Amino acid sequence: MAVFTYKATDRSGKIVNGNIEAKNKTVVINRLQDSDFYPIKIEERGRSFSEGRGNFFSFGQRIKARDVLVFTNQLSTLLSSGVPLDRSLTILIELTENKKLSQVIIDVQKNVHGGSLFTDALGRHPKVFSKLYTSMVKAGESGGVLENVLIRLAGFLEASQEFKENVISALIYPLILTVVGGGSVVVLLTFVVPKFTQVFADMGQAIPWPTQILLGVSGFLVSWWWLLLVVFLLLACSLRYYVNTEKGKWTWDSWKLRLPILKDLTQKIEVSRFARTFGTLIQSGVPILQSLVIVKDIIGNSVLAKAIREIQGRIKEGEKISEPLQQSQLFPPMAIHMIDVGEESGQLEAMLFKIADTYDVETRNSVKRMVSMLEPLLILFMGVLVGFIVISMLLAIFGINEIPL
């Protein structure tokens, strides 16, 4: 048994200090909460409770979207059960496994306990809680329905995370196939083919042109691999820098909406994101114009974001949402008609969720079709490449057998 020194508050906000003998800090927290006290700090032999949770800037761990989703689910459950916000945050400090997120919750709980709004406390951590997150919490907090908004927010985060994981899962096999096939070709060119170079050079006979090409590529790769690596890194860094600029991002986003294969997929992904985010915000009580501002910041394509900004200005003038969407020519006709029906029937948010679900399914189907086409193409390409290497080697070996003795 150890002795713990604690600082806590009662329901009136009065600070209480004392000592408790217990096995661990969890027992101390449970005892304090059973006595209607809310722990602020717990220390054992001079080591503070907050220090025991790890450094906020510790390396090797980051806050993922899944961590925020779990936190939102747990918080909505506690609030729906009648647990006060301050106490719910105190409980989640112990439940959260991610040390960095735990430190964020500690800071949020500290600010809430100090009199700040929950929205303002979350807004101090924009890298963890997005503008969408804080805006929905603000709407729920001002309307007195925070637990209901958190339930909707958890559903939104769950749907977004599930969609992302489905797309990533579909692309794993082609990626593995590319890495394994590419690695096999590199091994052949850098380790196997060079062993035959001197043998072919001592033949005293003309080498077939396929073998000459193969030996040239192999020799260049062995001698200048570092140059290829430097050029690749420079190109990758230059492209990334250019895409991160305003002009470069606009150019890249424009191409994605024009290229035959990417156009359909990009449009479906962005329309689904637009509809689900917009619908969730409206359902949570966020005004339409403010919702469009948030949606504009969340949309990944700058061309579509600009169109939404123009739509926002026209809605201010009294136009329906569907009219400027249709004139932008960037949204599918079916989505525009469904939004129009939703506006006329007064069920806009419900229709937006149907649009999001529809285009999520279509996106998954499009990715599956693309992957089903990509896999045989990759296999065919690798087969042709390896076949060229093997045939080139065999032609030279057959040439050795034809040399007169």
Protein backbone atom coordinates (compact mmCIF):
# COMPACT_ATOMS: atom_id res chain seq x y z
CA MET A 1 0.00 0.00 0.00
CA ALA A 2 1.24 3.47 -0.87
CA VAL A 3 0.25 6.89 0.36
CA PHE A 4 -1.10 9.30 -2.25
CA THR A 5 -1.56 13.05 -1.90
CA TYR A 6 -4.50 14.41 -3.87
CA LYS A 7 -6.10 17.68 -4.86
CA ALA A 8 -9.76 17.56 -5.89
CA THR A 9 -12.93 19.64 -6.06
CA ASP A 10 -16.41 19.02 -4.75
CA ARG A 11 -19.67 19.77 -6.58
CA SER A 12 -19.55 23.42 -5.52
CA GLY A 13 -16.06 23.86 -6.96
CA LYS A 14 -14.28 24.02 -3.59
CA ILE A 15 -10.68 22.74 -3.60
CA VAL A 16 -10.05 19.81 -1.26
CA ASN A 17 -6.61 18.40 -0.32
CA GLY A 18 -5.80 15.19 1.51
CA ASN A 19 -4.01 11.85 1.68
CA ILE A 20 -5.26 8.37 0.82
CA GLU A 21 -3.57 5.00 1.36
CA ALA A 22 -4.23 2.75 -1.64
CA LYS A 23 -2.67 0.21 -3.99
CA ASN A 24 -2.55 2.50 -7.03
CA LYS A 25 -3.88 5.74 -8.48
CA THR A 26 -6.93 4.06 -10.02
CA VAL A 27 -8.16 3.09 -6.56
CA VAL A 28 -7.61 6.69 -5.38
CA ILE A 29 -9.62 8.07 -8.31
CA ASN A 30 -12.48 5.61 -7.71
CA ARG A 31 -12.62 6.49 -4.01
CA LEU A 32 -12.69 10.22 -4.73
CA GLN A 33 -15.40 9.84 -7.34
CA ASP A 34 -17.48 7.69 -5.00
CA SER A 35 -17.28 10.57 -2.54
CA ASP A 36 -18.43 13.04 -5.22
CA PHE A 37 -14.99 14.60 -5.59
CA TYR A 38 -13.37 15.31 -8.96
CA PRO A 39 -9.58 14.65 -8.96
CA ILE A 40 -7.32 17.41 -10.25
CA LYS A 41 -3.90 16.09 -9.26
CA ILE A 42 -2.68 12.90 -7.60
CA GLU A 43 0.90 12.43 -6.44
CA GLU A 44 2.86 9.51 -5.07
CA ARG A 45 6.21 10.21 -3.38
CA GLY A 46 6.59 13.50 -5.25
CA ARG A 47 5.71 12.14 -8.68
CA SER A 48 2.65 13.90 -10.14
CA PHE A 49 -0.24 12.11 -11.80
CA SER A 50 0.13 14.22 -14.94
CA GLU A 51 3.83 13.38 -15.20
CA GLY A 52 2.99 9.69 -14.95
CA ARG A 53 0.96 9.91 -18.11
CA GLY A 54 3.96 10.61 -20.32
CA ASN A 55 5.30 13.62 -22.15
CA PHE A 56 2.94 15.34 -24.57
CA PHE A 57 5.80 15.66 -27.01
CA SER A 58 6.96 12.07 -26.61
CA PHE A 59 8.10 10.36 -29.76
CA GLY A 60 6.94 7.07 -31.24
CA GLN A 61 3.22 7.65 -30.83
CA ARG A 62 0.76 9.93 -32.58
CA ILE A 63 -2.94 10.58 -32.29
CA LYS A 64 -4.82 8.73 -35.02
CA ALA A 65 -8.35 9.22 -36.31
CA ARG A 66 -9.31 5.92 -34.68
CA ASP A 67 -8.20 7.25 -31.27
CA VAL A 68 -10.41 10.34 -31.66
CA LEU A 69 -13.30 8.11 -32.72
CA VAL A 70 -12.96 5.93 -29.61
CA PHE A 71 -12.76 9.04 -27.40
CA THR A 72 -15.93 10.46 -28.99
CA ASN A 73 -17.83 7.19 -28.58
CA GLN A 74 -16.83 6.86 -24.94
CA LEU A 75 -17.63 10.50 -24.14
CA SER A 76 -21.07 10.28 -25.77
CA THR A 77 -21.80 7.11 -23.77
CA LEU A 78 -20.81 8.73 -20.47
CA LEU A 79 -22.81 11.90 -21.14
CA SER A 80 -25.86 9.90 -22.24
CA SER A 81 -25.63 8.00 -18.94
CA GLY A 82 -25.93 11.25 -17.00
CA VAL A 83 -22.27 11.62 -16.02
CA PRO A 84 -21.24 15.32 -15.95
CA LEU A 85 -18.78 16.52 -18.59
CA ASP A 86 -16.02 17.31 -16.09
CA ARG A 87 -16.22 13.87 -14.52
CA SER A 88 -16.52 12.16 -17.93
CA LEU A 89 -13.26 13.75 -19.03
CA THR A 90 -11.58 12.66 -15.80
CA ILE A 91 -12.68 9.07 -16.43
CA LEU A 92 -11.49 9.19 -20.04
CA ILE A 93 -8.04 10.34 -18.93
CA GLU A 94 -7.62 6.91 -17.36
CA LEU A 95 -9.40 4.95 -20.10
CA THR A 96 -7.46 6.42 -23.03
CA GLU A 97 -4.54 4.22 -24.05
CA ASN A 98 -2.87 6.77 -26.31
CA LYS A 99 -0.59 8.82 -24.04
CA LYS A 100 -0.61 11.91 -26.25
CA LEU A 101 -4.38 11.96 -26.49
CA SER A 102 -4.55 11.45 -22.74
CA GLN A 103 -2.46 14.59 -22.27
CA VAL A 104 -4.78 16.48 -24.62
CA ILE A 105 -7.80 15.36 -22.58
CA ILE A 106 -6.04 16.48 -19.40
CA ASP A 107 -5.59 19.94 -20.90
CA VAL A 108 -9.22 20.00 -22.10
CA GLN A 109 -10.45 18.92 -18.65
CA LYS A 110 -8.30 21.57 -17.00
CA ASN A 111 -9.76 24.33 -19.18
CA VAL A 112 -13.33 23.10 -18.74
CA HIS A 113 -12.83 22.95 -14.98
CA GLY A 114 -11.47 26.51 -15.13
CA GLY A 115 -14.67 27.78 -16.68
CA SER A 116 -13.99 27.52 -20.42
CA LEU A 117 -16.55 26.20 -22.84
CA PHE A 118 -15.94 22.65 -24.01
CA THR A 119 -15.76 23.97 -27.58
CA ASP A 120 -13.03 26.47 -26.68
CA ALA A 121 -11.08 23.80 -24.79
CA LEU A 122 -11.17 21.50 -27.84
CA GLY A 123 -10.24 24.42 -30.12
CA ARG A 124 -6.88 24.68 -28.33
CA HIS A 125 -5.90 21.44 -30.11
CA PRO A 126 -6.77 21.98 -33.81
CA LYS A 127 -4.48 19.17 -34.96
CA VAL A 128 -6.51 16.67 -32.93
CA PHE A 129 -10.03 18.10 -33.17
CA SER A 130 -10.88 19.47 -36.62
CA LYS A 131 -12.97 22.51 -37.40
CA LEU A 132 -15.84 20.16 -38.23
CA TYR A 133 -15.52 18.53 -34.81
CA THR A 134 -15.47 21.78 -32.83
CA SER A 135 -18.29 23.33 -34.88
CA MET A 136 -20.60 20.39 -34.20
CA VAL A 137 -19.68 20.40 -30.51
CA LYS A 138 -20.38 24.15 -30.39
CA ALA A 139 -23.83 23.61 -31.91
CA GLY A 140 -24.60 20.81 -29.45
CA GLU A 141 -23.25 22.75 -26.48
CA SER A 142 -25.28 25.88 -27.29
CA GLY A 143 -28.43 23.80 -27.89
CA GLY A 144 -28.05 21.66 -24.77
CA VAL A 145 -27.87 18.44 -26.79
CA LEU A 146 -24.14 17.76 -26.63
CA GLU A 147 -24.53 14.00 -26.09
CA ASN A 148 -26.77 13.68 -29.18
CA VAL A 149 -24.35 15.67 -31.32
CA LEU A 150 -21.45 13.51 -30.13
CA ILE A 151 -23.38 10.39 -31.13
CA ARG A 152 -23.86 11.83 -34.64
CA LEU A 153 -20.23 12.91 -34.74
CA ALA A 154 -19.08 9.42 -33.74
CA GLY A 155 -21.24 7.96 -36.52
CA PHE A 156 -19.72 10.37 -39.02
CA LEU A 157 -16.17 9.54 -37.93
CA GLU A 158 -16.95 5.81 -38.02
CA ALA A 159 -18.33 6.01 -41.56
CA SER A 160 -15.37 8.08 -42.77
CA GLN A 161 -12.86 5.73 -41.15
CA GLU A 162 -14.58 2.63 -42.54
CA PHE A 163 -14.61 4.11 -46.04
CA LYS A 164 -10.91 4.96 -45.86
CA GLU A 165 -9.99 1.50 -44.56
CA ASN A 166 -11.99 -0.22 -47.32
CA VAL A 167 -10.15 1.73 -50.02
CA ILE A 168 -6.76 1.05 -48.42
CA SER A 169 -7.53 -2.66 -48.06
CA ALA A 170 -8.43 -2.89 -51.75
CA LEU A 171 -5.08 -1.36 -52.74
CA ILE A 172 -2.87 -3.50 -50.48
CA TYR A 173 -2.57 -6.48 -52.85
CA PRO A 174 -1.56 -4.44 -55.95
CA LEU A 175 0.99 -2.60 -53.81
CA ILE A 176 2.49 -5.86 -52.52
CA LEU A 177 2.53 -7.24 -56.06
CA THR A 178 4.35 -4.16 -57.33
CA VAL A 179 6.94 -4.20 -54.54
CA VAL A 180 7.66 -7.93 -54.81
CA GLY A 181 7.77 -7.91 -58.63
CA GLY A 182 9.90 -4.76 -58.79
CA GLY A 183 12.25 -6.13 -56.15
CA SER A 184 12.69 -9.37 -58.11
CA VAL A 185 13.60 -7.46 -61.29
CA VAL A 186 16.12 -5.30 -59.41
CA VAL A 187 17.75 -8.40 -57.89
CA LEU A 188 18.03 -10.01 -61.34
CA LEU A 189 19.57 -6.91 -62.89
CA THR A 190 22.02 -6.10 -60.09
CA PHE A 191 23.12 -9.56 -58.87
CA VAL A 192 22.33 -12.24 -61.46
CA VAL A 193 22.95 -10.60 -64.84
CA PRO A 194 26.35 -9.01 -63.90
CA LYS A 195 27.77 -12.49 -63.21
CA PHE A 196 27.35 -13.35 -66.91
CA THR A 197 28.76 -10.07 -68.24
CA GLN A 198 32.40 -11.22 -68.36
CA VAL A 199 31.37 -14.60 -69.80
CA PHE A 200 29.57 -12.93 -72.67
CA ALA A 201 32.48 -10.51 -73.20
CA ASP A 202 34.93 -13.45 -73.67
CA MET A 203 32.72 -15.15 -76.24
CA GLY A 204 34.50 -13.56 -79.18
CA GLN A 205 31.17 -13.41 -80.98
CA ALA A 206 28.48 -10.79 -81.51
CA ILE A 207 26.00 -10.67 -78.67
CA PRO A 208 22.29 -10.59 -79.61
CA TRP A 209 20.80 -7.09 -79.37
CA PRO A 210 18.29 -8.03 -76.62
CA THR A 211 21.23 -9.22 -74.51
CA GLN A 212 23.15 -6.03 -75.28
CA ILE A 213 20.22 -3.95 -74.05
CA LEU A 214 19.92 -6.08 -70.92
CA LEU A 215 23.66 -5.83 -70.14
CA GLY A 216 23.59 -2.07 -70.74
CA VAL A 217 20.69 -1.54 -68.36
CA SER A 218 22.27 -3.86 -65.77
CA GLY A 219 25.65 -2.12 -66.00
CA PHE A 220 24.10 1.33 -65.69
CA LEU A 221 22.01 0.23 -62.71
CA VAL A 222 25.01 -1.29 -60.90
CA SER A 223 27.30 1.68 -61.55
CA TRP A 224 24.91 4.56 -61.23
CA TRP A 225 22.21 3.33 -58.83
CA TRP A 226 23.02 6.20 -56.47
CA LEU A 227 22.43 8.73 -59.28
CA LEU A 228 19.03 7.17 -60.03
CA LEU A 229 18.19 7.36 -56.32
CA VAL A 230 19.21 11.03 -56.13
CA VAL A 231 17.22 11.91 -59.26
CA PHE A 232 14.17 10.05 -57.95
CA LEU A 233 14.34 11.82 -54.58
CA LEU A 234 14.80 15.21 -56.23
CA LEU A 235 11.85 14.63 -58.55
CA ALA A 236 9.69 13.38 -55.67
CA CYS A 237 10.58 16.34 -53.45
CA SER A 238 10.13 18.84 -56.29
CA LEU A 239 6.75 17.38 -57.21
CA ARG A 240 5.64 17.38 -53.59
CA TYR A 241 6.75 20.98 -53.14
CA TYR A 242 4.96 22.05 -56.31
CA VAL A 243 1.75 20.25 -55.39
CA ASN A 244 1.81 21.92 -51.96
CA THR A 245 1.87 25.36 -53.59
CA GLU A 246 -1.45 27.02 -54.46
CA LYS A 247 -0.80 26.88 -58.20
CA GLY A 248 0.50 23.32 -58.11
CA LYS A 249 -2.42 22.03 -56.06
CA TRP A 250 -4.86 23.71 -58.42
CA THR A 251 -3.13 22.14 -61.44
CA TRP A 252 -3.06 18.66 -59.90
CA ASP A 253 -6.66 18.87 -58.72
CA SER A 254 -7.74 20.04 -62.17
CA TRP A 255 -6.00 17.05 -63.78
CA LYS A 256 -7.73 14.66 -61.39
CA LEU A 257 -11.08 15.99 -62.62
CA ARG A 258 -10.07 15.61 -66.28
CA LEU A 259 -8.14 12.34 -66.54
CA PRO A 260 -10.48 9.52 -67.65
CA ILE A 261 -9.72 7.08 -64.83
CA LEU A 262 -9.23 9.55 -61.97
CA LYS A 263 -12.13 11.84 -62.87
CA ASP A 264 -14.91 9.43 -61.96
CA LEU A 265 -13.21 8.18 -58.80
CA THR A 266 -12.24 11.66 -57.55
CA GLN A 267 -15.71 13.02 -58.18
CA LYS A 268 -17.41 10.19 -56.28
CA ILE A 269 -15.05 10.46 -53.30
CA GLU A 270 -15.45 14.23 -52.99
CA VAL A 271 -19.23 14.18 -53.49
CA SER A 272 -19.55 11.55 -50.76
CA ARG A 273 -17.37 13.60 -48.42
CA PHE A 274 -19.31 16.78 -49.24
CA ALA A 275 -22.72 15.17 -48.68
CA ARG A 276 -21.87 13.35 -45.44
CA THR A 277 -20.10 16.34 -43.88
CA PHE A 278 -22.78 18.81 -44.99
CA GLY A 279 -25.60 16.55 -43.79
CA THR A 280 -23.97 15.91 -40.41
CA LEU A 281 -23.44 19.62 -39.80
CA ILE A 282 -27.01 20.56 -40.75
CA GLN A 283 -28.43 17.73 -38.64
CA SER A 284 -26.39 18.98 -35.67
CA GLY A 285 -27.87 22.48 -35.92
CA VAL A 286 -25.03 24.29 -37.67
CA PRO A 287 -26.39 27.01 -40.04
CA ILE A 288 -26.18 26.22 -43.76
CA LEU A 289 -23.79 29.05 -44.64
CA GLN A 290 -21.45 28.19 -41.79
CA SER A 291 -21.69 24.52 -42.76
CA LEU A 292 -20.60 25.35 -46.30
CA VAL A 293 -17.57 27.23 -44.96
CA ILE A 294 -16.54 24.13 -42.97
CA VAL A 295 -17.24 21.78 -45.89
CA LYS A 296 -15.12 23.97 -48.17
CA ASP A 297 -12.16 23.59 -45.82
CA ILE A 298 -12.62 19.81 -45.59
CA ILE A 299 -12.97 19.09 -49.33
CA GLY A 300 -9.62 17.82 -50.57
CA ASN A 301 -9.96 19.11 -54.14
CA SER A 302 -9.26 22.86 -54.48
CA VAL A 303 -11.34 23.14 -57.68
CA LEU A 304 -14.41 21.78 -55.91
CA ALA A 305 -13.63 23.92 -52.85
CA LYS A 306 -13.69 27.04 -55.02
CA ALA A 307 -17.01 25.97 -56.51
CA ILE A 308 -18.46 25.54 -53.01
CA ARG A 309 -17.23 29.02 -52.07
CA GLU A 310 -19.04 30.46 -55.09
CA ILE A 311 -22.14 28.44 -54.20
CA GLN A 312 -22.06 29.91 -50.71
CA GLY A 313 -22.17 33.45 -52.14
CA ARG A 314 -25.13 32.64 -54.37
CA ILE A 315 -27.06 31.02 -51.51
CA LYS A 316 -26.66 34.29 -49.59
CA GLU A 317 -28.55 35.92 -52.45
CA GLY A 318 -31.48 33.53 -51.94
CA GLU A 319 -30.81 30.79 -54.50
CA LYS A 320 -31.41 27.11 -53.80
CA ILE A 321 -28.39 24.90 -53.18
CA SER A 322 -29.10 22.66 -56.17
CA GLU A 323 -29.08 25.50 -58.73
CA PRO A 324 -25.45 26.69 -58.33
CA LEU A 325 -24.35 23.07 -57.86
CA GLN A 326 -25.80 22.20 -61.25
CA GLN A 327 -24.26 25.24 -62.96
CA SER A 328 -20.81 24.40 -61.58
CA GLN A 329 -20.85 21.19 -63.70
CA LEU A 330 -18.62 19.53 -61.12
CA PHE A 331 -21.25 17.46 -59.33
CA PRO A 332 -23.02 14.38 -60.78
CA PRO A 333 -26.59 14.97 -62.03
CA MET A 334 -28.04 12.32 -59.70
CA ALA A 335 -26.59 14.05 -56.61
CA ILE A 336 -27.97 17.41 -57.75
CA HIS A 337 -31.47 15.98 -58.30
CA MET A 338 -31.45 14.30 -54.90
CA ILE A 339 -30.42 17.56 -53.21
CA ASP A 340 -33.18 19.37 -55.10
CA VAL A 341 -35.74 16.83 -53.88
CA GLY A 342 -34.41 17.15 -50.34
CA GLU A 343 -34.77 20.94 -50.41
CA GLU A 344 -38.33 20.77 -51.72
CA SER A 345 -39.40 18.13 -49.21
CA GLY A 346 -37.63 19.71 -46.24
CA GLN A 347 -35.51 16.58 -45.74
CA LEU A 348 -32.19 17.91 -47.00
CA GLU A 349 -29.97 16.28 -44.36
CA ALA A 350 -31.62 12.86 -44.86
CA MET A 351 -31.15 13.12 -48.61
CA LEU A 352 -27.51 14.16 -48.15
CA PHE A 353 -26.88 11.01 -46.10
CA LYS A 354 -28.47 8.91 -48.86
CA ILE A 355 -26.18 10.60 -51.40
CA ALA A 356 -23.15 9.86 -49.21
CA ASP A 357 -24.12 6.21 -48.75
CA THR A 358 -24.81 5.82 -52.48
CA TYR A 359 -21.50 7.28 -53.57
CA ASP A 360 -19.58 5.39 -50.89
CA VAL A 361 -20.87 2.16 -52.41
CA GLU A 362 -20.10 3.37 -55.93
CA THR A 363 -16.60 4.41 -54.89
CA ARG A 364 -15.89 0.99 -53.38
CA ASN A 365 -17.19 -0.67 -56.55
CA SER A 366 -15.07 1.62 -58.73
CA VAL A 367 -11.97 0.84 -56.66
CA LYS A 368 -12.69 -2.89 -56.90
CA ARG A 369 -13.10 -2.64 -60.68
CA MET A 370 -9.92 -0.63 -60.99
CA VAL A 371 -8.00 -3.10 -58.83
CA SER A 372 -9.43 -6.08 -60.75
CA MET A 373 -8.08 -4.50 -63.93
CA LEU A 374 -4.79 -3.42 -62.36
CA GLU A 375 -3.84 -6.82 -60.96
CA PRO A 376 -3.68 -8.72 -64.29
CA LEU A 377 -1.96 -5.73 -65.92
CA LEU A 378 0.71 -5.73 -63.23
CA ILE A 379 1.15 -9.50 -63.52
CA LEU A 380 1.36 -9.21 -67.32
CA PHE A 381 3.88 -6.35 -67.13
CA MET A 382 6.10 -8.17 -64.63
CA GLY A 383 5.83 -11.35 -66.67
CA VAL A 384 6.91 -9.56 -69.86
CA LEU A 385 9.81 -7.87 -68.03
CA VAL A 386 11.08 -11.08 -66.43
CA GLY A 387 10.48 -12.95 -69.70
CA PHE A 388 12.61 -10.41 -71.58
CA ILE A 389 15.45 -10.89 -69.09
CA VAL A 390 15.27 -14.68 -69.31
CA ILE A 391 15.04 -14.75 -73.13
CA SER A 392 17.93 -12.29 -73.46
CA MET A 393 20.10 -14.51 -71.29
CA LEU A 394 19.08 -17.67 -73.17
CA LEU A 395 19.85 -16.11 -76.57
CA ALA A 396 23.39 -15.33 -75.42
CA ILE A 397 23.83 -18.80 -73.90
CA PHE A 398 22.63 -20.47 -77.13
CA GLY A 399 25.17 -18.29 -78.94
CA ILE A 400 27.95 -19.77 -76.80
CA ASN A 401 26.92 -23.30 -77.81
CA GLU A 402 27.17 -22.33 -81.50
CA ILE A 403 30.83 -21.20 -81.22
CA PRO A 404 33.04 -23.66 -83.23
CA LEU A 405 35.58 -25.49 -81.11
